[in-house]
Structure formats: structure tokens, C-alpha cells
C-alpha atoms as a PDB file:
ATOM      1  CA  MET A   1     115.938 117.311  91.446  1.00  0.00           C
ATOM      2  CA  LEU A   2     117.541 114.298  93.039  1.00  0.00           C
ATOM      3  CA  THR A   3     116.388 110.743  92.491  1.00  0.00           C
ATOM      4  CA  VAL A   4     116.730 108.331  95.404  1.00  0.00           C
ATOM      5  CA  TYR A   5     116.722 104.669  94.468  1.00  0.00           C
ATOM      6  CA  SER A   6     115.283 102.910  97.475  1.00  0.00           C
ATOM      7  CA  LYS A   7     113.596  99.735  98.706  1.00  0.00           C
ATOM      8  CA  ASN A   8     111.180  98.771 101.450  1.00  0.00           C
ATOM      9  CA  HIS A   9     112.381  98.233 105.023  1.00  0.00           C
ATOM     10  CA  CYS A  10     115.725  99.969 104.431  1.00  0.00           C
ATOM     11  CA  SER A  11     116.895 102.121 107.321  1.00  0.00           C
ATOM     12  CA  TYR A  12     119.557 103.891 105.226  1.00  0.00           C
ATOM     13  CA  CYS A  13     116.913 104.691 102.601  1.00  0.00           C
ATOM     14  CA  ASP A  14     114.632 106.104 105.283  1.00  0.00           C
ATOM     15  CA  SER A  15     117.509 108.150 106.729  1.00  0.00           C
ATOM     16  CA  THR A  16     118.326 109.529 103.279  1.00  0.00           C
ATOM     17  CA  LYS A  17     114.740 110.640 102.713  1.00  0.00           C
ATOM     18  CA  GLN A  18     114.554 112.161 106.180  1.00  0.00           C
ATOM     19  CA  LEU A  19     117.833 114.070 105.718  1.00  0.00           C
ATOM     20  CA  LEU A  20     116.761 115.479 102.352  1.00  0.00           C
ATOM     21  CA  SER A  21     113.368 116.455 103.767  1.00  0.00           C
ATOM     22  CA  ILE A  22     114.942 118.219 106.754  1.00  0.00           C
ATOM     23  CA  MET A  23     117.272 120.103 104.400  1.00  0.00           C
ATOM     24  CA  GLU A  24     114.281 120.917 102.165  1.00  0.00           C
ATOM     25  CA  ILE A  25     116.044 119.433  99.138  1.00  0.00           C
ATOM     26  CA  PRO A  26     113.508 118.221  96.528  1.00  0.00           C
ATOM     27  CA  TYR A  27     113.767 114.570  95.566  1.00  0.00           C
ATOM     28  CA  GLU A  28     111.819 111.749  94.014  1.00  0.00           C
ATOM     29  CA  ILE A  29     111.801 108.137  95.135  1.00  0.00           C
ATOM     30  CA  ILE A  30     112.122 105.138  92.855  1.00  0.00           C
ATOM     31  CA  ASN A  31     111.480 101.908  94.702  1.00  0.00           C
ATOM     32  CA  VAL A  32     113.538  99.166  93.041  1.00  0.00           C
ATOM     33  CA  GLU A  33     111.207  96.513  94.462  1.00  0.00           C
ATOM     34  CA  ASP A  34     108.338  98.030  92.465  1.00  0.00           C
ATOM     35  CA  LYS A  35     110.333  98.769  89.302  1.00  0.00           C
ATOM     36  CA  PRO A  36     112.562  95.922  88.098  1.00  0.00           C
ATOM     37  CA  GLU A  37     113.968  98.170  85.358  1.00  0.00           C
ATOM     38  CA  ALA A  38     115.274 100.537  88.046  1.00  0.00           C
ATOM     39  CA  TYR A  39     116.984  97.638  89.795  1.00  0.00           C
ATOM     40  CA  GLU A  40     118.560  96.582  86.492  1.00  0.00           C
ATOM     41  CA  PHE A  41     119.755 100.151  85.934  1.00  0.00           C
ATOM     42  CA  LEU A  42     121.540 100.135  89.318  1.00  0.00           C
ATOM     43  CA  ILE A  43     123.137  96.753  88.588  1.00  0.00           C
ATOM     44  CA  GLN A  44     124.384  98.047  85.212  1.00  0.00           C
ATOM     45  CA  GLU A  45     125.814 101.087  86.998  1.00  0.00           C
ATOM     46  CA  GLY A  46     127.771  98.768  89.313  1.00  0.00           C
ATOM     47  CA  HIS A  47     125.668  99.219  92.444  1.00  0.00           C
ATOM     48  CA  ARG A  48     124.606  96.371  94.682  1.00  0.00           C
ATOM     49  CA  SER A  49     122.925  98.298  97.470  1.00  0.00           C
ATOM     50  CA  VAL A  50     120.503 101.128  98.099  1.00  0.00           C
ATOM     51  CA  PRO A  51     120.017 103.955  98.609  1.00  0.00           C
ATOM     52  CA  GLN A  52     121.694 105.351  95.541  1.00  0.00           C
ATOM     53  CA  ILE A  53     121.311 109.050  94.874  1.00  0.00           C
ATOM     54  CA  TYR A  54     121.272 110.305  91.289  1.00  0.00           C
ATOM     55  CA  LYS A  55     120.790 113.560  89.446  1.00  0.00           C
ATOM     56  CA  ASP A  56     119.976 113.625  85.739  1.00  0.00           C
ATOM     57  CA  GLY A  57     120.844 109.933  85.340  1.00  0.00           C
ATOM     58  CA  LYS A  58     124.292 110.258  86.934  1.00  0.00           C
ATOM     59  CA  ILE A  59     125.455 109.412  90.436  1.00  0.00           C
ATOM     60  CA  PHE A  60     125.160 112.467  92.670  1.00  0.00           C
ATOM     61  CA  VAL A  61     127.166 111.226  95.624  1.00  0.00           C
ATOM     62  CA  GLU A  62     129.053 107.992  96.227  1.00  0.00           C
ATOM     63  CA  GLY A  63     128.221 106.033  99.346  1.00  0.00           C
ATOM     64  CA  GLY A  64     124.457 106.506  99.505  1.00  0.00           C
ATOM     65  CA  TYR A  65     123.265 107.884 102.830  1.00  0.00           C
ATOM     66  CA  GLN A  66     126.728 107.959 104.368  1.00  0.00           C
ATOM     67  CA  GLY A  67     128.114 109.964 101.450  1.00  0.00           C
ATOM     68  CA  LEU A  68     125.167 112.340 101.496  1.00  0.00           C
ATOM     69  CA  ASN A  69     125.395 112.825 105.252  1.00  0.00           C
ATOM     70  CA  LYS A  70     128.950 114.179 104.840  1.00  0.00           C
ATOM     71  CA  LEU A  71     127.694 117.075 102.719  1.00  0.00           C
ATOM     72  CA  THR A  72     126.256 120.308 104.039  1.00  0.00           C
ATOM     73  CA  LYS A  73     123.017 121.712 102.678  1.00  0.00           C
ATOM     74  CA  ASP A  74     125.000 124.399 100.845  1.00  0.00           C
ATOM     75  CA  GLU A  75     127.279 121.786  99.242  1.00  0.00           C
ATOM     76  CA  ILE A  76     124.250 119.836  98.030  1.00  0.00           C
ATOM     77  CA  ILE A  77     122.537 122.944  96.668  1.00  0.00           C
ATOM     78  CA  ASN A  78     125.725 124.041  94.890  1.00  0.00           C
ATOM     79  CA  GLN A  79     125.945 120.645  93.160  1.00  0.00           C
ATOM     80  CA  LEU A  80     122.330 120.861  92.053  1.00  0.00           C
END
């Protein structure tokens, strides 16, 4: 399952969730505004923006929504 690090009022975060839902790819949301430890994790990983998409604690795709949007459903499923 994918983990989407997100925040409130973020259009790219909303687009990421919508894309994954349309593709029927399971995901969980971690809102960095609600969980400071999640925000610290992203900072330690070198990220300064959201969404960030992870799988098993490792970056799944670089570039957040824009990186994800370049992949087909089959490419995503094959990487899962």
C-alpha cells in the first residue's frame, strides 16, 4: 500500500488522492499538519513539499503528483 504525505488545502495532494482513487490503487493519507513527526520524517528525507508518495518507508516516485501522473496504472501496480 502507498502512503501519501499530504497537507490541508493542497491542490497537488488532492490531485494525487483523486488519481490513485480513479486507478483503484490503495493508499493511506498522513497529514503532516496533524502529525509533526511525519513532517520531520519528510524533512530528514530531504523533502520540502507535499505530496510525497512512499511505499514501505521508501520514496515510491520522485516528483509527487507530477511524477505519479507520468506512470500508467500498470506501471504503478508492477512497482507495488
